[in-house]
């Protein structure tokens, strides 16, 4: 339980600060007895142990995460993390530069898809966490 586990409590706090309460609440509400342990695992390891480290800022972690997800073709997670940049301080320029690195080091097709996903995520107006208003 988060109240008894400082790693999970810290992970919950960071996960909510990056992805937003609405996203985390939806993920938790959708959890079943089958995949609830996976939600705990994500909160503990990704957020409570990795994103909580002081060596990198949330902005730096966000940019690296975007590059890795793009390079690996994990488009759903990529879109979520692009939308979350409004909470991490990463800018559209940061995202663009990360994806330019993807083009050189992981391939142009991966970057081409990632640019499309990022462009769509950056123009989200649905109020999703990290969604940015069109101007």
N, C-alpha and C. Protein backbone atom coordinates (compact mmCIF):
# COMPACT_ATOMS: atom_id res chain seq x y z
N UNK A 1 0.82 -1.20 0.00
CA UNK A 1 0.00 0.00 0.00
C UNK A 1 0.86 1.25 0.00
N UNK A 2 0.42 2.27 -0.68
CA UNK A 2 1.18 3.50 -0.81
C UNK A 2 1.45 4.14 0.54
N UNK A 3 0.49 4.05 1.46
CA UNK A 3 0.66 4.66 2.76
C UNK A 3 1.76 4.02 3.59
N UNK A 4 2.06 2.74 3.33
CA UNK A 4 3.06 2.02 4.09
C UNK A 4 4.39 1.88 3.36
N UNK A 5 4.45 2.17 2.10
CA UNK A 5 5.63 1.96 1.28
C UNK A 5 6.12 3.30 0.73
N UNK A 6 7.24 3.81 1.25
CA UNK A 6 7.70 5.13 0.80
C UNK A 6 8.07 5.17 -0.69
N UNK A 7 8.58 4.06 -1.23
CA UNK A 7 8.91 4.04 -2.66
C UNK A 7 7.64 4.16 -3.50
N UNK A 8 6.61 3.42 -3.13
CA UNK A 8 5.36 3.49 -3.87
C UNK A 8 4.71 4.86 -3.69
N UNK A 9 4.74 5.40 -2.50
CA UNK A 9 4.15 6.72 -2.26
C UNK A 9 4.86 7.78 -3.10
N UNK A 10 6.19 7.72 -3.15
CA UNK A 10 6.95 8.68 -3.96
C UNK A 10 6.66 8.44 -5.44
N UNK A 11 6.59 7.18 -5.84
CA UNK A 11 6.26 6.86 -7.22
C UNK A 11 4.90 7.37 -7.63
N UNK A 12 3.94 7.22 -6.75
CA UNK A 12 2.58 7.72 -7.01
C UNK A 12 2.60 9.24 -7.19
N UNK A 13 3.33 9.91 -6.32
CA UNK A 13 3.42 11.37 -6.39
C UNK A 13 4.04 11.82 -7.71
N UNK A 14 5.14 11.20 -8.10
CA UNK A 14 5.82 11.59 -9.34
C UNK A 14 4.98 11.21 -10.56
N UNK A 15 4.41 10.03 -10.56
CA UNK A 15 3.56 9.59 -11.67
C UNK A 15 2.42 10.59 -11.89
N UNK A 16 1.79 11.00 -10.81
CA UNK A 16 0.70 11.97 -10.92
C UNK A 16 1.21 13.34 -11.39
N UNK A 17 2.39 13.75 -10.93
CA UNK A 17 2.91 15.06 -11.34
C UNK A 17 3.27 15.08 -12.82
N UNK A 18 3.69 13.95 -13.37
CA UNK A 18 4.08 13.89 -14.78
C UNK A 18 2.88 13.59 -15.68
N UNK A 19 2.12 12.57 -15.35
CA UNK A 19 1.03 12.12 -16.23
C UNK A 19 -0.31 12.77 -15.91
N UNK A 20 -0.45 13.30 -14.72
CA UNK A 20 -1.69 13.94 -14.31
C UNK A 20 -2.59 12.99 -13.55
N UNK A 21 -3.38 13.56 -12.67
CA UNK A 21 -4.30 12.77 -11.85
C UNK A 21 -5.30 11.99 -12.68
N UNK A 22 -5.83 12.61 -13.73
CA UNK A 22 -6.86 11.93 -14.54
C UNK A 22 -6.32 10.66 -15.17
N UNK A 23 -5.11 10.71 -15.71
CA UNK A 23 -4.53 9.52 -16.33
C UNK A 23 -4.32 8.42 -15.30
N UNK A 24 -3.70 8.77 -14.18
CA UNK A 24 -3.40 7.78 -13.15
C UNK A 24 -4.69 7.21 -12.57
N UNK A 25 -5.68 8.05 -12.34
CA UNK A 25 -6.96 7.57 -11.82
C UNK A 25 -7.62 6.59 -12.80
N UNK A 26 -7.56 6.90 -14.11
CA UNK A 26 -8.13 5.99 -15.11
C UNK A 26 -7.39 4.66 -15.11
N UNK A 27 -6.08 4.71 -15.06
CA UNK A 27 -5.28 3.47 -15.06
C UNK A 27 -5.59 2.61 -13.85
N UNK A 28 -5.70 3.26 -12.70
CA UNK A 28 -6.00 2.51 -11.47
C UNK A 28 -7.43 1.94 -11.50
N UNK A 29 -8.37 2.75 -12.00
CA UNK A 29 -9.75 2.29 -12.06
C UNK A 29 -9.92 1.13 -13.02
N UNK A 30 -9.11 1.09 -14.07
CA UNK A 30 -9.21 0.03 -15.06
C UNK A 30 -8.48 -1.24 -14.64
N UNK A 31 -7.69 -1.16 -13.58
CA UNK A 31 -6.91 -2.32 -13.15
C UNK A 31 -7.84 -3.44 -12.67
N UNK A 32 -7.45 -4.64 -12.99
CA UNK A 32 -8.17 -5.83 -12.56
C UNK A 32 -7.26 -6.62 -11.62
N UNK A 33 -7.78 -7.64 -10.96
CA UNK A 33 -6.90 -8.46 -10.13
C UNK A 33 -5.72 -9.04 -10.94
N UNK A 34 -5.93 -9.25 -12.23
CA UNK A 34 -4.88 -9.78 -13.09
C UNK A 34 -3.73 -8.80 -13.29
N UNK A 35 -4.06 -7.52 -13.58
CA UNK A 35 -2.99 -6.58 -13.91
C UNK A 35 -2.70 -5.52 -12.83
N UNK A 36 -3.39 -5.56 -11.71
CA UNK A 36 -3.10 -4.62 -10.63
C UNK A 36 -1.65 -4.72 -10.15
N UNK A 37 -1.08 -5.93 -10.05
CA UNK A 37 0.33 -5.99 -9.66
C UNK A 37 1.25 -5.28 -10.65
N UNK A 38 0.87 -5.26 -11.93
CA UNK A 38 1.66 -4.54 -12.92
C UNK A 38 1.59 -3.03 -12.67
N UNK A 39 0.42 -2.50 -12.32
CA UNK A 39 0.29 -1.09 -11.99
C UNK A 39 1.18 -0.75 -10.79
N UNK A 40 1.21 -1.62 -9.80
CA UNK A 40 2.09 -1.40 -8.65
C UNK A 40 3.56 -1.42 -9.08
N UNK A 41 3.91 -2.36 -9.95
CA UNK A 41 5.27 -2.49 -10.45
C UNK A 41 5.71 -1.21 -11.16
N UNK A 42 4.84 -0.68 -12.04
CA UNK A 42 5.15 0.56 -12.76
C UNK A 42 5.37 1.70 -11.76
N UNK A 43 4.47 1.81 -10.81
CA UNK A 43 4.57 2.89 -9.82
C UNK A 43 5.85 2.76 -9.01
N UNK A 44 6.17 1.55 -8.59
CA UNK A 44 7.36 1.33 -7.78
C UNK A 44 8.65 1.54 -8.56
N UNK A 45 8.77 0.91 -9.72
CA UNK A 45 10.06 0.90 -10.41
C UNK A 45 10.26 2.12 -11.30
N UNK A 46 9.34 2.35 -12.24
CA UNK A 46 9.53 3.46 -13.18
C UNK A 46 9.47 4.80 -12.45
N UNK A 47 8.47 4.96 -11.61
CA UNK A 47 8.24 6.27 -10.99
C UNK A 47 8.93 6.39 -9.64
N UNK A 48 8.84 5.40 -8.78
CA UNK A 48 9.39 5.49 -7.43
C UNK A 48 10.89 5.29 -7.35
N UNK A 49 11.44 4.54 -8.30
CA UNK A 49 12.88 4.28 -8.25
C UNK A 49 13.67 5.00 -9.35
N UNK A 50 13.10 5.15 -10.53
CA UNK A 50 13.84 5.78 -11.62
C UNK A 50 13.55 7.27 -11.74
N UNK A 51 12.28 7.64 -11.97
CA UNK A 51 11.95 9.06 -12.15
C UNK A 51 12.21 9.87 -10.88
N UNK A 52 12.35 9.24 -9.74
CA UNK A 52 12.59 9.97 -8.49
C UNK A 52 14.06 10.28 -8.26
N UNK A 53 14.95 9.73 -9.07
CA UNK A 53 16.39 9.97 -8.89
C UNK A 53 16.71 11.44 -9.15
N UNK A 54 17.61 11.98 -8.36
CA UNK A 54 17.93 13.41 -8.42
C UNK A 54 18.91 13.77 -9.54
N UNK A 55 19.54 12.79 -10.15
CA UNK A 55 20.59 13.08 -11.12
C UNK A 55 20.09 13.78 -12.38
N UNK A 56 18.86 13.53 -12.78
CA UNK A 56 18.26 14.20 -13.95
C UNK A 56 16.97 14.88 -13.53
N UNK A 57 16.66 15.95 -14.19
CA UNK A 57 15.41 16.66 -13.96
C UNK A 57 14.27 15.92 -14.67
N UNK A 58 13.03 16.23 -14.31
CA UNK A 58 11.90 15.65 -15.05
C UNK A 58 11.97 15.97 -16.54
N UNK A 59 12.44 17.15 -16.88
CA UNK A 59 12.58 17.53 -18.29
C UNK A 59 13.55 16.60 -19.01
N UNK A 60 14.70 16.36 -18.40
CA UNK A 60 15.69 15.47 -19.02
C UNK A 60 15.15 14.04 -19.14
N UNK A 61 14.51 13.57 -18.11
CA UNK A 61 13.94 12.21 -18.18
C UNK A 61 12.87 12.12 -19.26
N UNK A 62 12.08 13.17 -19.38
CA UNK A 62 11.02 13.22 -20.38
C UNK A 62 11.60 13.11 -21.79
N UNK A 63 12.65 13.88 -22.08
CA UNK A 63 13.27 13.88 -23.40
C UNK A 63 13.87 12.51 -23.72
N UNK A 64 14.57 11.93 -22.77
CA UNK A 64 15.16 10.61 -23.00
C UNK A 64 14.07 9.56 -23.19
N UNK A 65 13.03 9.63 -22.40
CA UNK A 65 11.93 8.68 -22.52
C UNK A 65 11.28 8.79 -23.89
N UNK A 66 11.06 10.00 -24.37
CA UNK A 66 10.47 10.20 -25.69
C UNK A 66 11.35 9.59 -26.77
N UNK A 67 12.66 9.83 -26.69
CA UNK A 67 13.57 9.27 -27.70
C UNK A 67 13.55 7.75 -27.68
N UNK A 68 13.58 7.17 -26.49
CA UNK A 68 13.57 5.70 -26.39
C UNK A 68 12.27 5.10 -26.91
N UNK A 69 11.16 5.68 -26.51
CA UNK A 69 9.87 5.16 -26.97
C UNK A 69 9.73 5.28 -28.48
N UNK A 70 10.20 6.40 -29.04
CA UNK A 70 10.15 6.59 -30.49
C UNK A 70 11.04 5.56 -31.19
N UNK A 71 12.25 5.38 -30.70
CA UNK A 71 13.18 4.44 -31.32
C UNK A 71 12.65 3.02 -31.29
N UNK A 72 11.93 2.68 -30.23
CA UNK A 72 11.39 1.32 -30.08
C UNK A 72 10.01 1.14 -30.72
N UNK A 73 9.44 2.23 -31.22
CA UNK A 73 8.14 2.15 -31.89
C UNK A 73 6.96 1.98 -30.96
N UNK A 74 7.09 2.41 -29.72
CA UNK A 74 6.00 2.31 -28.75
C UNK A 74 5.14 3.57 -28.84
N UNK A 75 4.31 3.64 -29.86
CA UNK A 75 3.61 4.88 -30.21
C UNK A 75 2.58 5.32 -29.18
N UNK A 76 1.88 4.41 -28.56
CA UNK A 76 0.87 4.80 -27.56
C UNK A 76 1.55 5.46 -26.36
N UNK A 77 2.60 4.83 -25.88
CA UNK A 77 3.35 5.41 -24.76
C UNK A 77 4.02 6.71 -25.18
N UNK A 78 4.51 6.77 -26.42
CA UNK A 78 5.13 7.98 -26.94
C UNK A 78 4.16 9.15 -26.88
N UNK A 79 2.96 8.95 -27.38
CA UNK A 79 1.96 10.02 -27.37
C UNK A 79 1.67 10.47 -25.94
N UNK A 80 1.53 9.53 -25.02
CA UNK A 80 1.26 9.87 -23.63
C UNK A 80 2.39 10.73 -23.06
N UNK A 81 3.64 10.35 -23.33
CA UNK A 81 4.77 11.10 -22.78
C UNK A 81 4.96 12.44 -23.47
N UNK A 82 4.61 12.54 -24.74
CA UNK A 82 4.65 13.85 -25.41
C UNK A 82 3.62 14.77 -24.77
N UNK A 83 2.41 14.26 -24.55
CA UNK A 83 1.38 15.09 -23.90
C UNK A 83 1.82 15.51 -22.50
N UNK A 84 2.55 14.64 -21.82
CA UNK A 84 2.97 14.92 -20.45
C UNK A 84 4.08 15.97 -20.36
N UNK A 85 4.67 16.35 -21.49
CA UNK A 85 5.77 17.32 -21.41
C UNK A 85 5.34 18.65 -20.83
N UNK A 86 4.06 18.97 -20.91
CA UNK A 86 3.63 20.23 -20.29
C UNK A 86 3.85 20.19 -18.78
N UNK A 87 3.95 19.00 -18.21
CA UNK A 87 4.17 18.85 -16.78
C UNK A 87 5.64 18.67 -16.41
N UNK A 88 6.49 18.42 -17.39
CA UNK A 88 7.90 18.15 -17.09
C UNK A 88 8.83 19.30 -17.45
N UNK A 89 8.33 20.26 -18.19
CA UNK A 89 9.16 21.37 -18.62
C UNK A 89 9.85 21.15 -19.95
N UNK A 90 9.69 19.97 -20.55
CA UNK A 90 10.25 19.74 -21.88
C UNK A 90 9.46 20.55 -22.90
N UNK A 91 10.16 21.13 -23.84
CA UNK A 91 9.53 21.99 -24.84
C UNK A 91 9.33 21.24 -26.16
N UNK A 92 8.59 21.86 -27.06
CA UNK A 92 8.45 21.28 -28.39
C UNK A 92 9.81 21.18 -29.07
N UNK A 93 10.69 22.12 -28.82
CA UNK A 93 12.04 22.06 -29.38
C UNK A 93 12.80 20.87 -28.81
N UNK A 94 12.64 20.59 -27.53
CA UNK A 94 13.26 19.42 -26.93
C UNK A 94 12.78 18.15 -27.61
N UNK A 95 11.47 18.07 -27.82
CA UNK A 95 10.88 16.89 -28.47
C UNK A 95 11.44 16.75 -29.88
N UNK A 96 11.45 17.84 -30.62
CA UNK A 96 11.97 17.81 -32.00
C UNK A 96 13.41 17.31 -32.02
N UNK A 97 14.26 17.85 -31.14
CA UNK A 97 15.66 17.45 -31.13
C UNK A 97 15.83 15.99 -30.74
N UNK A 98 15.03 15.51 -29.80
CA UNK A 98 15.08 14.09 -29.44
C UNK A 98 14.73 13.23 -30.65
N UNK A 99 13.71 13.64 -31.39
CA UNK A 99 13.28 12.86 -32.55
C UNK A 99 14.28 12.96 -33.70
N UNK A 100 15.00 14.07 -33.80
CA UNK A 100 16.07 14.16 -34.79
C UNK A 100 17.18 13.15 -34.47
N UNK A 101 17.47 12.98 -33.19
CA UNK A 101 18.44 11.96 -32.78
C UNK A 101 17.93 10.57 -33.14
N UNK A 102 16.64 10.35 -32.94
CA UNK A 102 16.05 9.06 -33.30
C UNK A 102 16.28 8.79 -34.79
N UNK A 103 16.10 9.81 -35.62
CA UNK A 103 16.27 9.62 -37.06
C UNK A 103 17.67 9.12 -37.40
N UNK A 104 18.68 9.70 -36.75
CA UNK A 104 20.06 9.31 -37.04
C UNK A 104 20.41 7.96 -36.43
N UNK A 105 20.02 7.76 -35.16
CA UNK A 105 20.49 6.59 -34.44
C UNK A 105 19.54 5.39 -34.47
N UNK A 106 18.29 5.60 -34.79
CA UNK A 106 17.34 4.48 -34.82
C UNK A 106 16.66 4.34 -36.17
N UNK A 107 16.80 5.32 -37.04
CA UNK A 107 16.26 5.21 -38.38
C UNK A 107 15.19 6.23 -38.70
N UNK A 108 15.21 6.64 -39.95
CA UNK A 108 14.25 7.63 -40.43
C UNK A 108 12.81 7.14 -40.34
N UNK A 109 12.50 5.88 -40.67
CA UNK A 109 11.10 5.45 -40.52
C UNK A 109 10.58 5.57 -39.09
N UNK A 110 11.41 5.24 -38.12
CA UNK A 110 10.99 5.36 -36.71
C UNK A 110 10.73 6.83 -36.37
N UNK A 111 11.63 7.71 -36.82
CA UNK A 111 11.46 9.14 -36.54
C UNK A 111 10.27 9.71 -37.29
N UNK A 112 10.05 9.27 -38.51
CA UNK A 112 8.91 9.75 -39.29
C UNK A 112 7.60 9.46 -38.56
N UNK A 113 7.45 8.24 -38.09
CA UNK A 113 6.26 7.87 -37.33
C UNK A 113 6.18 8.67 -36.03
N UNK A 114 7.31 8.82 -35.36
CA UNK A 114 7.33 9.53 -34.08
C UNK A 114 6.98 11.01 -34.26
N UNK A 115 7.46 11.64 -35.33
CA UNK A 115 7.10 13.03 -35.60
C UNK A 115 5.59 13.17 -35.80
N UNK A 116 4.99 12.22 -36.52
CA UNK A 116 3.54 12.26 -36.74
C UNK A 116 2.80 12.13 -35.41
N UNK A 117 3.20 11.16 -34.61
CA UNK A 117 2.56 10.93 -33.30
C UNK A 117 2.74 12.16 -32.41
N UNK A 118 3.94 12.71 -32.37
CA UNK A 118 4.21 13.87 -31.51
C UNK A 118 3.42 15.08 -31.98
N UNK A 119 3.36 15.30 -33.28
CA UNK A 119 2.60 16.45 -33.80
C UNK A 119 1.14 16.34 -33.39
N UNK A 120 0.57 15.14 -33.52
CA UNK A 120 -0.82 14.93 -33.11
C UNK A 120 -0.99 15.14 -31.61
N UNK A 121 -0.08 14.60 -30.83
CA UNK A 121 -0.17 14.73 -29.37
C UNK A 121 -0.02 16.18 -28.92
N UNK A 122 0.82 16.94 -29.59
CA UNK A 122 1.02 18.34 -29.22
C UNK A 122 -0.18 19.21 -29.57
N UNK A 123 -1.01 18.77 -30.47
CA UNK A 123 -2.17 19.57 -30.86
C UNK A 123 -3.46 19.04 -30.24
N UNK A 124 -3.32 18.14 -29.28
CA UNK A 124 -4.49 17.60 -28.59
C UNK A 124 -5.23 18.72 -27.88
N UNK A 125 -6.53 18.75 -28.05
CA UNK A 125 -7.34 19.75 -27.35
C UNK A 125 -8.37 19.09 -26.44
N UNK A 126 -8.23 17.79 -26.24
CA UNK A 126 -9.25 17.06 -25.50
C UNK A 126 -9.12 17.19 -23.99
N UNK A 127 -8.14 17.93 -23.51
CA UNK A 127 -7.97 18.09 -22.08
C UNK A 127 -7.20 16.94 -21.44
N UNK A 128 -6.64 16.05 -22.26
CA UNK A 128 -5.83 14.96 -21.72
C UNK A 128 -4.60 15.53 -21.02
N UNK A 129 -4.03 14.79 -20.08
CA UNK A 129 -2.83 15.27 -19.42
C UNK A 129 -1.76 15.57 -20.47
N UNK A 130 -1.18 16.75 -20.38
CA UNK A 130 -0.13 17.13 -21.31
C UNK A 130 -0.64 17.68 -22.61
N UNK A 131 -1.95 17.62 -22.85
CA UNK A 131 -2.49 18.16 -24.09
C UNK A 131 -2.29 19.65 -24.15
N UNK A 132 -1.97 20.14 -25.34
CA UNK A 132 -1.74 21.58 -25.51
C UNK A 132 -2.80 22.15 -26.42
N UNK A 133 -3.24 23.32 -26.08
CA UNK A 133 -4.24 24.01 -26.89
C UNK A 133 -3.64 24.41 -28.23
N UNK A 134 -4.42 24.34 -29.27
CA UNK A 134 -4.00 24.89 -30.56
C UNK A 134 -4.04 26.41 -30.46
N UNK A 135 -3.04 27.05 -31.05
CA UNK A 135 -3.03 28.51 -31.04
C UNK A 135 -3.23 29.06 -32.42
